[in-house]
Amino acid sequence: MKTLFNSRQFHKALAPWLFLPLLISSITGLLYRVSKDLLGYSREQVHWLMSLHEGEWLGDNGELIYVILNSIGVLWMLVTGFQMFSKTISFTKKVTKGESKG
């Protein structure tokens, strides 16, 4: 029985919705850590980056939803991406008709 959506279709459908939130989270998280630890900025000076990173600007309920959806989105992209990857990579060499295994 064929499923309605395969992993490639799910990945393709969800990717545009996750792109911007994940991009914002990854860039602001990286900039926060680099600014604070390597460039010596104080926590207060770079708090605006963490506010963007965590979705604090969406309010208490929005922040929770933003973090949960971002986390689920990352996990979903990893699972569907791995499924697509594993389908394209053959872990065992297939023998074509007329070839010997040795």
C-alpha atoms as a PDB file:
ATOM      1  CA  MET A   1       0.000   0.000   0.000  1.00  0.00           C
ATOM      2  CA  LYS A   2       1.446   3.340  -1.030  1.00  0.00           C
ATOM      3  CA  THR A   3       1.407   6.088   1.578  1.00  0.00           C
ATOM      4  CA  LEU A   4      -0.118   9.459   0.819  1.00  0.00           C
ATOM      5  CA  PHE A   5       3.161  11.277   1.366  1.00  0.00           C
ATOM      6  CA  ASN A   6       6.641   9.876   1.335  1.00  0.00           C
ATOM      7  CA  SER A   7       9.534  11.397   3.269  1.00  0.00           C
ATOM      8  CA  ARG A   8      10.674  13.432   0.270  1.00  0.00           C
ATOM      9  CA  GLN A   9       7.259  15.060  -0.092  1.00  0.00           C
ATOM     10  CA  PHE A  10       7.049  15.810   3.643  1.00  0.00           C
ATOM     11  CA  HIS A  11      10.551  17.268   3.594  1.00  0.00           C
ATOM     12  CA  LYS A  12       9.766  19.398   0.548  1.00  0.00           C
ATOM     13  CA  ALA A  13       6.449  20.624   2.002  1.00  0.00           C
ATOM     14  CA  LEU A  14       7.859  21.556   5.409  1.00  0.00           C
ATOM     15  CA  ALA A  15      11.235  23.013   4.383  1.00  0.00           C
ATOM     16  CA  PRO A  16       9.991  26.441   3.204  1.00  0.00           C
ATOM     17  CA  TRP A  17       8.114  26.972   6.485  1.00  0.00           C
ATOM     18  CA  LEU A  18      11.128  26.022   8.600  1.00  0.00           C
ATOM     19  CA  PHE A  19      13.828  27.794   6.638  1.00  0.00           C
ATOM     20  CA  LEU A  20      13.508  31.293   8.096  1.00  0.00           C
ATOM     21  CA  PRO A  21      12.944  30.335  11.762  1.00  0.00           C
ATOM     22  CA  LEU A  22      15.834  27.860  11.697  1.00  0.00           C
ATOM     23  CA  LEU A  23      18.090  30.330   9.898  1.00  0.00           C
ATOM     24  CA  ILE A  24      17.311  33.032  12.464  1.00  0.00           C
ATOM     25  CA  SER A  25      17.885  30.633  15.370  1.00  0.00           C
ATOM     26  CA  SER A  26      21.165  29.290  14.042  1.00  0.00           C
ATOM     27  CA  ILE A  27      22.641  32.680  13.133  1.00  0.00           C
ATOM     28  CA  THR A  28      21.566  34.442  16.340  1.00  0.00           C
ATOM     29  CA  GLY A  29      22.717  31.509  18.491  1.00  0.00           C
ATOM     30  CA  LEU A  30      26.123  31.528  16.816  1.00  0.00           C
ATOM     31  CA  LEU A  31      26.482  35.316  17.006  1.00  0.00           C
ATOM     32  CA  TYR A  32      25.453  35.313  20.670  1.00  0.00           C
ATOM     33  CA  ARG A  33      28.033  32.699  21.629  1.00  0.00           C
ATOM     34  CA  VAL A  34      30.843  34.238  19.566  1.00  0.00           C
ATOM     35  CA  SER A  35      30.075  37.780  20.784  1.00  0.00           C
ATOM     36  CA  LYS A  36      29.898  36.747  24.421  1.00  0.00           C
ATOM     37  CA  ASP A  37      32.734  34.235  24.627  1.00  0.00           C
ATOM     38  CA  LEU A  38      35.226  35.344  22.005  1.00  0.00           C
ATOM     39  CA  LEU A  39      34.608  39.064  21.637  1.00  0.00           C
ATOM     40  CA  GLY A  40      34.028  39.721  25.334  1.00  0.00           C
ATOM     41  CA  TYR A  41      30.601  41.362  25.186  1.00  0.00           C
ATOM     42  CA  SER A  42      28.538  41.172  28.361  1.00  0.00           C
ATOM     43  CA  ARG A  43      25.333  39.192  28.582  1.00  0.00           C
ATOM     44  CA  GLU A  44      23.329  42.407  28.688  1.00  0.00           C
ATOM     45  CA  GLN A  45      24.995  43.748  25.540  1.00  0.00           C
ATOM     46  CA  VAL A  46      24.025  40.722  23.456  1.00  0.00           C
ATOM     47  CA  HIS A  47      20.720  39.844  25.108  1.00  0.00           C
ATOM     48  CA  TRP A  48      18.862  41.065  22.014  1.00  0.00           C
ATOM     49  CA  LEU A  49      20.443  38.193  20.074  1.00  0.00           C
ATOM     50  CA  MET A  50      19.168  35.673  22.602  1.00  0.00           C
ATOM     51  CA  SER A  51      15.729  37.296  22.450  1.00  0.00           C
ATOM     52  CA  LEU A  52      15.651  36.692  18.697  1.00  0.00           C
ATOM     53  CA  HIS A  53      17.122  33.215  19.092  1.00  0.00           C
ATOM     54  CA  GLU A  54      14.460  32.045  21.539  1.00  0.00           C
ATOM     55  CA  GLY A  55      11.518  33.910  20.004  1.00  0.00           C
ATOM     56  CA  GLU A  56      11.131  36.046  23.119  1.00  0.00           C
ATOM     57  CA  TRP A  57       9.713  38.840  20.952  1.00  0.00           C
ATOM     58  CA  LEU A  58       6.597  36.681  20.394  1.00  0.00           C
ATOM     59  CA  GLY A  59       5.524  36.869  24.040  1.00  0.00           C
ATOM     60  CA  ASP A  60       5.387  34.045  26.595  1.00  0.00           C
ATOM     61  CA  ASN A  61       3.033  31.735  24.680  1.00  0.00           C
ATOM     62  CA  GLY A  62       4.577  32.587  21.321  1.00  0.00           C
ATOM     63  CA  GLU A  63       8.076  31.895  22.622  1.00  0.00           C
ATOM     64  CA  LEU A  64       7.064  28.439  23.832  1.00  0.00           C
ATOM     65  CA  ILE A  65       5.365  27.606  20.548  1.00  0.00           C
ATOM     66  CA  TYR A  66       8.338  28.966  18.552  1.00  0.00           C
ATOM     67  CA  VAL A  67      10.852  26.841  20.471  1.00  0.00           C
ATOM     68  CA  ILE A  68       8.717  23.694  20.309  1.00  0.00           C
ATOM     69  CA  LEU A  69       8.012  24.049  16.591  1.00  0.00           C
ATOM     70  CA  ASN A  70      11.664  24.825  15.841  1.00  0.00           C
ATOM     71  CA  SER A  71      12.752  21.722  17.741  1.00  0.00           C
ATOM     72  CA  ILE A  72      10.190  19.479  16.089  1.00  0.00           C
ATOM     73  CA  GLY A  73      11.096  21.000  12.730  1.00  0.00           C
ATOM     74  CA  VAL A  74      14.795  20.245  13.146  1.00  0.00           C
ATOM     75  CA  LEU A  75      14.059  16.682  14.202  1.00  0.00           C
ATOM     76  CA  TRP A  76      11.629  16.203  11.320  1.00  0.00           C
ATOM     77  CA  MET A  77      14.110  17.534   8.767  1.00  0.00           C
ATOM     78  CA  LEU A  78      16.812  15.246  10.184  1.00  0.00           C
ATOM     79  CA  VAL A  79      14.577  12.163  10.040  1.00  0.00           C
ATOM     80  CA  THR A  80      13.219  12.796   6.547  1.00  0.00           C
ATOM     81  CA  GLY A  81      16.640  13.903   5.309  1.00  0.00           C
ATOM     82  CA  PHE A  82      18.220  10.716   6.640  1.00  0.00           C
ATOM     83  CA  GLN A  83      15.473   8.630   5.038  1.00  0.00           C
ATOM     84  CA  MET A  84      16.126  10.253   1.668  1.00  0.00           C
ATOM     85  CA  PHE A  85      19.870   9.861   2.125  1.00  0.00           C
ATOM     86  CA  SER A  86      19.603   6.203   3.066  1.00  0.00           C
ATOM     87  CA  LYS A  87      17.484   5.510  -0.028  1.00  0.00           C
ATOM     88  CA  THR A  88      20.126   7.029  -2.319  1.00  0.00           C
ATOM     89  CA  ILE A  89      23.104   5.292  -0.724  1.00  0.00           C
ATOM     90  CA  SER A  90      23.283   1.569  -1.124  1.00  0.00           C
ATOM     91  CA  PHE A  91      24.962  -0.099   1.824  1.00  0.00           C
ATOM     92  CA  THR A  92      25.263  -3.385  -0.039  1.00  0.00           C
ATOM     93  CA  LYS A  93      26.548  -3.824  -3.553  1.00  0.00           C
ATOM     94  CA  LYS A  94      23.786  -5.028  -5.830  1.00  0.00           C
ATOM     95  CA  VAL A  95      24.674  -7.749  -8.285  1.00  0.00           C
ATOM     96  CA  THR A  96      23.330  -7.252 -11.790  1.00  0.00           C
ATOM     97  CA  LYS A  97      22.113 -10.135 -13.851  1.00  0.00           C
ATOM     98  CA  GLY A  98      25.002 -12.117 -15.297  1.00  0.00           C
ATOM     99  CA  GLU A  99      27.617 -10.866 -12.804  1.00  0.00           C
ATOM    100  CA  SER A 100      29.234 -13.047 -10.237  1.00  0.00           C
ATOM    101  CA  LYS A 101      29.474 -12.024  -6.584  1.00  0.00           C
ATOM    102  CA  GLY A 102      33.146 -12.862  -6.315  1.00  0.00           C
END
